[in-house]
All heavy atoms as atom14 arrays in JSON, in Angstrom:
{
  "sequence": "VFDLVGLQINGYVGGDPYYGNVFFENGVKYAGMRN",
  "atom14_mask": [
    [1, 1, 1, 1, 1, 1, 1, 0, 0, 0, 0, 0, 0, 0],
    [1, 1, 1, 1, 1, 1, 1, 1, 1, 1, 1, 0, 0, 0],
    [1, 1, 1, 1, 1, 1, 1, 1, 0, 0, 0, 0, 0, 0],
    [1, 1, 1, 1, 1, 1, 1, 1, 0, 0, 0, 0, 0, 0],
    [1, 1, 1, 1, 1, 1, 1, 0, 0, 0, 0, 0, 0, 0],
    [1, 1, 1, 1, 0, 0, 0, 0, 0, 0, 0, 0, 0, 0],
    [1, 1, 1, 1, 1, 1, 1, 1, 0, 0, 0, 0, 0, 0],
    [1, 1, 1, 1, 1, 1, 1, 1, 1, 0, 0, 0, 0, 0],
    [1, 1, 1, 1, 1, 1, 1, 1, 0, 0, 0, 0, 0, 0],
    [1, 1, 1, 1, 1, 1, 1, 1, 0, 0, 0, 0, 0, 0],
    [1, 1, 1, 1, 0, 0, 0, 0, 0, 0, 0, 0, 0, 0],
    [1, 1, 1, 1, 1, 1, 1, 1, 1, 1, 1, 1, 0, 0],
    [1, 1, 1, 1, 1, 1, 1, 0, 0, 0, 0, 0, 0, 0],
    [1, 1, 1, 1, 0, 0, 0, 0, 0, 0, 0, 0, 0, 0],
    [1, 1, 1, 1, 0, 0, 0, 0, 0, 0, 0, 0, 0, 0],
    [1, 1, 1, 1, 1, 1, 1, 1, 0, 0, 0, 0, 0, 0],
    [1, 1, 1, 1, 1, 1, 1, 0, 0, 0, 0, 0, 0, 0],
    [1, 1, 1, 1, 1, 1, 1, 1, 1, 1, 1, 1, 0, 0],
    [1, 1, 1, 1, 1, 1, 1, 1, 1, 1, 1, 1, 0, 0],
    [1, 1, 1, 1, 0, 0, 0, 0, 0, 0, 0, 0, 0, 0],
    [1, 1, 1, 1, 1, 1, 1, 1, 0, 0, 0, 0, 0, 0],
    [1, 1, 1, 1, 1, 1, 1, 0, 0, 0, 0, 0, 0, 0],
    [1, 1, 1, 1, 1, 1, 1, 1, 1, 1, 1, 0, 0, 0],
    [1, 1, 1, 1, 1, 1, 1, 1, 1, 1, 1, 0, 0, 0],
    [1, 1, 1, 1, 1, 1, 1, 1, 1, 0, 0, 0, 0, 0],
    [1, 1, 1, 1, 1, 1, 1, 1, 0, 0, 0, 0, 0, 0],
    [1, 1, 1, 1, 0, 0, 0, 0, 0, 0, 0, 0, 0, 0],
    [1, 1, 1, 1, 1, 1, 1, 0, 0, 0, 0, 0, 0, 0],
    [1, 1, 1, 1, 1, 1, 1, 1, 1, 0, 0, 0, 0, 0],
    [1, 1, 1, 1, 1, 1, 1, 1, 1, 1, 1, 1, 0, 0],
    [1, 1, 1, 1, 1, 0, 0, 0, 0, 0, 0, 0, 0, 0],
    [1, 1, 1, 1, 0, 0, 0, 0, 0, 0, 0, 0, 0, 0],
    [1, 1, 1, 1, 1, 1, 1, 1, 0, 0, 0, 0, 0, 0],
    [1, 1, 1, 1, 1, 1, 1, 1, 1, 1, 1, 0, 0, 0],
    [1, 1, 1, 1, 1, 1, 1, 1, 0, 0, 0, 0, 0, 0]
  ],
  "atom14_positions": [
    [[30.16, 7.63, -14.68], [30.64, 8.91, -14.15], [30.98, 8.7, -12.68], [30.17, 8.13, -11.93], [29.56, 10.01, -14.3], [30.1, 11.33, -13.74], [29.16, 10.17, -15.76], [0.0, 0.0, 0.0], [0.0, 0.0, 0.0], [0.0, 0.0, 0.0], [0.0, 0.0, 0.0], [0.0, 0.0, 0.0], [0.0, 0.0, 0.0], [0.0, 0.0, 0.0]],
    [[32.13, 9.15, -12.28], [32.55, 9.03, -10.87], [32.01, 10.2, -10.07], [32.21, 11.36, -10.43], [34.08, 8.96, -10.81], [34.63, 7.68, -11.38], [34.96, 7.6, -12.72], [34.82, 6.55, -10.59], [35.46, 6.44, -13.29], [35.32, 5.41, -11.14], [35.64, 5.31, -12.48], [0.0, 0.0, 0.0], [0.0, 0.0, 0.0], [0.0, 0.0, 0.0]],
    [[31.32, 9.88, -9.01], [30.67, 10.91, -8.2], [31.66, 11.48, -7.19], [31.91, 10.88, -6.14], [29.45, 10.32, -7.48], [28.66, 11.35, -6.71], [28.9, 12.55, -6.95], [27.85, 10.97, -5.86], [0.0, 0.0, 0.0], [0.0, 0.0, 0.0], [0.0, 0.0, 0.0], [0.0, 0.0, 0.0], [0.0, 0.0, 0.0], [0.0, 0.0, 0.0]],
    [[32.22, 12.63, -7.51], [33.24, 13.25, -6.65], [32.63, 14.32, -5.73], [33.31, 14.77, -4.81], [34.33, 13.89, -7.5], [35.01, 12.97, -8.52], [36.06, 13.74, -9.31], [35.65, 11.79, -7.82], [0.0, 0.0, 0.0], [0.0, 0.0, 0.0], [0.0, 0.0, 0.0], [0.0, 0.0, 0.0], [0.0, 0.0, 0.0], [0.0, 0.0, 0.0]],
    [[31.4, 14.73, -5.96], [30.83, 15.84, -5.2], [29.61, 15.43, -4.36], [29.05, 16.26, -3.65], [30.45, 17.03, -6.12], [31.68, 17.56, -6.83], [29.38, 16.61, -7.13], [0.0, 0.0, 0.0], [0.0, 0.0, 0.0], [0.0, 0.0, 0.0], [0.0, 0.0, 0.0], [0.0, 0.0, 0.0], [0.0, 0.0, 0.0], [0.0, 0.0, 0.0]],
    [[29.2, 14.18, -4.46], [28.06, 13.75, -3.66], [26.74, 14.01, -4.33], [25.97, 14.87, -3.92], [0.0, 0.0, 0.0], [0.0, 0.0, 0.0], [0.0, 0.0, 0.0], [0.0, 0.0, 0.0], [0.0, 0.0, 0.0], [0.0, 0.0, 0.0], [0.0, 0.0, 0.0], [0.0, 0.0, 0.0], [0.0, 0.0, 0.0], [0.0, 0.0, 0.0]],
    [[26.46, 13.27, -5.39], [25.22, 13.41, -6.13], [24.05, 12.88, -5.3], [24.16, 11.89, -4.61], [25.29, 12.65, -7.44], [24.1, 12.7, -8.37], [23.87, 14.1, -8.85], [24.32, 11.77, -9.57], [0.0, 0.0, 0.0], [0.0, 0.0, 0.0], [0.0, 0.0, 0.0], [0.0, 0.0, 0.0], [0.0, 0.0, 0.0], [0.0, 0.0, 0.0]],
    [[22.93, 13.58, -5.39], [21.73, 13.16, -4.64], [21.05, 11.98, -5.34], [20.8, 12.01, -6.54], [20.75, 14.33, -4.52], [19.44, 13.93, -3.84], [18.5, 15.09, -3.72], [18.84, 16.23, -3.96], [17.26, 14.78, -3.36], [0.0, 0.0, 0.0], [0.0, 0.0, 0.0], [0.0, 0.0, 0.0], [0.0, 0.0, 0.0], [0.0, 0.0, 0.0]],
    [[20.76, 10.95, -4.56], [20.01, 9.8, -5.08], [18.53, 10.13, -5.07], [17.98, 10.52, -4.03], [20.29, 8.54, -4.26], [21.78, 8.14, -4.37], [19.43, 7.38, -4.71], [22.16, 6.97, -3.51], [0.0, 0.0, 0.0], [0.0, 0.0, 0.0], [0.0, 0.0, 0.0], [0.0, 0.0, 0.0], [0.0, 0.0, 0.0], [0.0, 0.0, 0.0]],
    [[17.84, 9.98, -6.21], [16.42, 10.29, -6.27], [15.53, 9.1, -6.03], [14.31, 9.23, -6.15], [16.09, 10.9, -7.65], [16.6, 12.34, -7.76], [16.66, 13.04, -6.76], [16.97, 12.76, -8.94], [0.0, 0.0, 0.0], [0.0, 0.0, 0.0], [0.0, 0.0, 0.0], [0.0, 0.0, 0.0], [0.0, 0.0, 0.0], [0.0, 0.0, 0.0]],
    [[16.12, 7.97, -5.73], [15.33, 6.77, -5.44], [16.06, 5.52, -5.92], [17.26, 5.57, -6.19], [0.0, 0.0, 0.0], [0.0, 0.0, 0.0], [0.0, 0.0, 0.0], [0.0, 0.0, 0.0], [0.0, 0.0, 0.0], [0.0, 0.0, 0.0], [0.0, 0.0, 0.0], [0.0, 0.0, 0.0], [0.0, 0.0, 0.0], [0.0, 0.0, 0.0]],
    [[15.32, 4.4, -6.07], [15.92, 3.14, -6.44], [15.04, 2.44, -7.49], [13.8, 2.52, -7.45], [16.06, 2.21, -5.24], [17.02, 2.74, -4.19], [16.6, 3.62, -3.22], [18.36, 2.38, -4.21], [17.49, 4.14, -2.26], [19.27, 2.87, -3.27], [18.79, 3.75, -2.3], [19.69, 4.25, -1.38], [0.0, 0.0, 0.0], [0.0, 0.0, 0.0]],
    [[15.71, 1.79, -8.43], [15.03, 1.02, -9.46], [15.71, -0.35, -9.53], [16.91, -0.42, -9.8], [15.11, 1.71, -10.84], [14.5, 0.82, -11.94], [14.41, 3.05, -10.82], [0.0, 0.0, 0.0], [0.0, 0.0, 0.0], [0.0, 0.0, 0.0], [0.0, 0.0, 0.0], [0.0, 0.0, 0.0], [0.0, 0.0, 0.0], [0.0, 0.0, 0.0]],
    [[14.95, -1.4, -9.26], [15.49, -2.73, -9.33], [16.67, -2.96, -8.4], [17.59, -3.71, -8.69], [0.0, 0.0, 0.0], [0.0, 0.0, 0.0], [0.0, 0.0, 0.0], [0.0, 0.0, 0.0], [0.0, 0.0, 0.0], [0.0, 0.0, 0.0], [0.0, 0.0, 0.0], [0.0, 0.0, 0.0], [0.0, 0.0, 0.0], [0.0, 0.0, 0.0]],
    [[16.67, -2.27, -7.26], [17.74, -2.43, -6.29], [18.94, -1.51, -6.5], [19.83, -1.44, -5.66], [0.0, 0.0, 0.0], [0.0, 0.0, 0.0], [0.0, 0.0, 0.0], [0.0, 0.0, 0.0], [0.0, 0.0, 0.0], [0.0, 0.0, 0.0], [0.0, 0.0, 0.0], [0.0, 0.0, 0.0], [0.0, 0.0, 0.0], [0.0, 0.0, 0.0]],
    [[18.95, -0.78, -7.63], [20.07, 0.12, -7.93], [19.68, 1.57, -7.67], [18.52, 1.94, -7.9], [20.49, -0.02, -9.39], [21.02, -1.4, -9.71], [21.72, -1.96, -8.84], [20.75, -1.92, -10.82], [0.0, 0.0, 0.0], [0.0, 0.0, 0.0], [0.0, 0.0, 0.0], [0.0, 0.0, 0.0], [0.0, 0.0, 0.0], [0.0, 0.0, 0.0]],
    [[20.62, 2.39, -7.21], [20.3, 3.82, -7.0], [20.0, 4.51, -8.31], [20.58, 4.18, -9.34], [21.57, 4.36, -6.34], [22.66, 3.39, -6.71], [22.0, 2.07, -6.83], [0.0, 0.0, 0.0], [0.0, 0.0, 0.0], [0.0, 0.0, 0.0], [0.0, 0.0, 0.0], [0.0, 0.0, 0.0], [0.0, 0.0, 0.0], [0.0, 0.0, 0.0]],
    [[19.04, 5.44, -8.26], [18.65, 6.19, -9.46], [18.96, 7.66, -9.23], [18.52, 8.26, -8.25], [17.16, 6.0, -9.74], [16.68, 6.83, -10.9], [17.0, 6.46, -12.21], [15.94, 7.97, -10.72], [16.58, 7.19, -13.28], [15.52, 8.74, -11.79], [15.85, 8.35, -13.07], [15.45, 9.1, -14.14], [0.0, 0.0, 0.0], [0.0, 0.0, 0.0]],
    [[19.75, 8.25, -10.17], [20.2, 9.63, -10.02], [19.54, 10.58, -11.02], [19.75, 11.78, -10.94], [21.72, 9.7, -10.26], [22.54, 8.89, -9.26], [22.93, 7.59, -9.6], [22.94, 9.42, -8.05], [23.69, 6.83, -8.71], [23.7, 8.7, -7.17], [24.08, 7.4, -7.49], [24.82, 6.66, -6.6], [0.0, 0.0, 0.0], [0.0, 0.0, 0.0]],
    [[18.74, 10.08, -11.91], [18.2, 10.9, -12.99], [16.96, 11.72, -12.55], [16.56, 11.69, -11.39], [0.0, 0.0, 0.0], [0.0, 0.0, 0.0], [0.0, 0.0, 0.0], [0.0, 0.0, 0.0], [0.0, 0.0, 0.0], [0.0, 0.0, 0.0], [0.0, 0.0, 0.0], [0.0, 0.0, 0.0], [0.0, 0.0, 0.0], [0.0, 0.0, 0.0]],
    [[16.38, 12.41, -13.51], [15.2, 13.22, -13.26], [13.98, 12.34, -13.05], [13.9, 11.24, -13.57], [14.96, 14.21, -14.4], [16.06, 15.24, -14.53], [16.61, 15.64, -13.5], [16.35, 15.65, -15.74], [0.0, 0.0, 0.0], [0.0, 0.0, 0.0], [0.0, 0.0, 0.0], [0.0, 0.0, 0.0], [0.0, 0.0, 0.0], [0.0, 0.0, 0.0]],
    [[13.02, 12.84, -12.29], [11.79, 12.1, -12.03], [10.58, 12.99, -12.3], [10.69, 14.21, -12.37], [11.74, 11.6, -10.56], [12.86, 10.64, -10.31], [11.77, 12.75, -9.58], [0.0, 0.0, 0.0], [0.0, 0.0, 0.0], [0.0, 0.0, 0.0], [0.0, 0.0, 0.0], [0.0, 0.0, 0.0], [0.0, 0.0, 0.0], [0.0, 0.0, 0.0]],
    [[9.42, 12.35, -12.48], [8.16, 13.09, -12.53], [7.16, 12.32, -11.68], [7.37, 11.17, -11.29], [7.67, 13.24, -13.97], [7.25, 11.94, -14.64], [5.95, 11.49, -14.56], [8.18, 11.19, -15.36], [5.57, 10.31, -15.17], [7.81, 10.01, -15.97], [6.49, 9.56, -15.88], [0.0, 0.0, 0.0], [0.0, 0.0, 0.0], [0.0, 0.0, 0.0]],
    [[6.04, 12.96, -11.36], [5.07, 12.37, -10.45], [3.71, 12.21, -11.12], [3.26, 13.08, -11.85], [4.89, 13.23, -9.19], [6.1, 13.2, -8.28], [7.17, 14.03, -8.51], [6.16, 12.32, -7.2], [8.28, 14.01, -7.68], [7.25, 12.29, -6.38], [8.32, 13.13, -6.6], [0.0, 0.0, 0.0], [0.0, 0.0, 0.0], [0.0, 0.0, 0.0]],
    [[3.08, 11.06, -10.91], [1.69, 10.81, -11.3], [0.94, 10.44, -10.04], [1.24, 9.42, -9.41], [1.61, 9.63, -12.29], [1.95, 9.98, -13.72], [0.86, 10.78, -14.43], [-0.24, 10.91, -13.88], [1.15, 11.27, -15.52], [0.0, 0.0, 0.0], [0.0, 0.0, 0.0], [0.0, 0.0, 0.0], [0.0, 0.0, 0.0], [0.0, 0.0, 0.0]],
    [[0.0, 11.27, -9.66], [-0.79, 10.99, -8.44], [0.12, 10.75, -7.22], [-0.12, 9.88, -6.4], [-1.67, 9.78, -8.66], [-2.96, 10.15, -9.36], [-3.09, 11.26, -9.86], [-3.88, 9.22, -9.44], [0.0, 0.0, 0.0], [0.0, 0.0, 0.0], [0.0, 0.0, 0.0], [0.0, 0.0, 0.0], [0.0, 0.0, 0.0], [0.0, 0.0, 0.0]],
    [[1.2, 11.53, -7.16], [2.08, 11.42, -6.02], [3.06, 10.29, -6.1], [3.84, 10.07, -5.17], [0.0, 0.0, 0.0], [0.0, 0.0, 0.0], [0.0, 0.0, 0.0], [0.0, 0.0, 0.0], [0.0, 0.0, 0.0], [0.0, 0.0, 0.0], [0.0, 0.0, 0.0], [0.0, 0.0, 0.0], [0.0, 0.0, 0.0], [0.0, 0.0, 0.0]],
    [[3.05, 9.49, -7.19], [3.95, 8.37, -7.36], [5.1, 8.79, -8.25], [4.89, 9.43, -9.29], [3.2, 7.14, -7.92], [4.18, 5.98, -8.11], [2.08, 6.74, -7.01], [0.0, 0.0, 0.0], [0.0, 0.0, 0.0], [0.0, 0.0, 0.0], [0.0, 0.0, 0.0], [0.0, 0.0, 0.0], [0.0, 0.0, 0.0], [0.0, 0.0, 0.0]],
    [[6.3, 8.4, -7.88], [7.52, 8.85, -8.57], [7.87, 7.92, -9.72], [7.91, 6.7, -9.57], [8.66, 8.9, -7.57], [9.91, 9.62, -8.04], [11.05, 9.47, -7.02], [10.67, 9.87, -5.63], [11.84, 9.72, -4.71], [0.0, 0.0, 0.0], [0.0, 0.0, 0.0], [0.0, 0.0, 0.0], [0.0, 0.0, 0.0], [0.0, 0.0, 0.0]],
    [[8.15, 8.49, -10.91], [8.56, 7.73, -12.09], [9.76, 8.33, -12.74], [10.05, 9.52, -12.63], [7.41, 7.71, -13.12], [6.13, 7.02, -12.65], [5.07, 7.77, -12.18], [6.02, 5.65, -12.69], [3.9, 7.18, -11.76], [4.86, 5.05, -12.29], [3.8, 5.78, -11.83], [2.65, 5.2, -11.39], [0.0, 0.0, 0.0], [0.0, 0.0, 0.0]],
    [[10.46, 7.46, -13.51], [11.54, 7.92, -14.38], [11.17, 7.58, -15.8], [10.34, 6.71, -16.06], [12.84, 7.22, -14.02], [0.0, 0.0, 0.0], [0.0, 0.0, 0.0], [0.0, 0.0, 0.0], [0.0, 0.0, 0.0], [0.0, 0.0, 0.0], [0.0, 0.0, 0.0], [0.0, 0.0, 0.0], [0.0, 0.0, 0.0], [0.0, 0.0, 0.0]],
    [[11.77, 8.3, -16.76], [11.48, 8.0, -18.17], [10.37, 8.88, -18.73], [10.15, 10.0, -18.29], [0.0, 0.0, 0.0], [0.0, 0.0, 0.0], [0.0, 0.0, 0.0], [0.0, 0.0, 0.0], [0.0, 0.0, 0.0], [0.0, 0.0, 0.0], [0.0, 0.0, 0.0], [0.0, 0.0, 0.0], [0.0, 0.0, 0.0], [0.0, 0.0, 0.0]],
    [[9.66, 8.37, -19.74], [8.6, 9.09, -20.41], [7.26, 8.85, -19.7], [7.05, 7.82, -19.08], [8.48, 8.65, -21.88], [9.8, 8.81, -22.65], [10.4, 10.5, -22.7], [9.16, 11.23, -23.76], [0.0, 0.0, 0.0], [0.0, 0.0, 0.0], [0.0, 0.0, 0.0], [0.0, 0.0, 0.0], [0.0, 0.0, 0.0], [0.0, 0.0, 0.0]],
    [[6.35, 9.8, -19.84], [5.1, 9.74, -19.09], [4.25, 8.5, -19.43], [3.54, 8.0, -18.58], [4.29, 11.01, -19.28], [4.84, 12.15, -18.48], [3.86, 13.28, -18.34], [4.41, 14.29, -17.43], [4.24, 14.32, -16.12], [3.55, 13.36, -15.54], [4.76, 15.25, -15.39], [0.0, 0.0, 0.0], [0.0, 0.0, 0.0], [0.0, 0.0, 0.0]],
    [[4.24, 8.04, -20.66], [3.39, 6.92, -21.0], [4.07, 5.55, -20.81], [3.45, 4.52, -20.93], [2.9, 7.03, -22.45], [1.95, 8.19, -22.6], [1.22, 8.53, -21.68], [1.96, 8.83, -23.75], [0.0, 0.0, 0.0], [0.0, 0.0, 0.0], [0.0, 0.0, 0.0], [0.0, 0.0, 0.0], [0.0, 0.0, 0.0], [0.0, 0.0, 0.0]]
  ]
}
């Protein structure tokens, strides 16, 4: 998807920007499923 409006980066995974949803465990940011 081409970012024409300036999507917010939620962090980085393996050196690549991550744009998806995140959740927190003990204040630590994760992507994907909780387990």
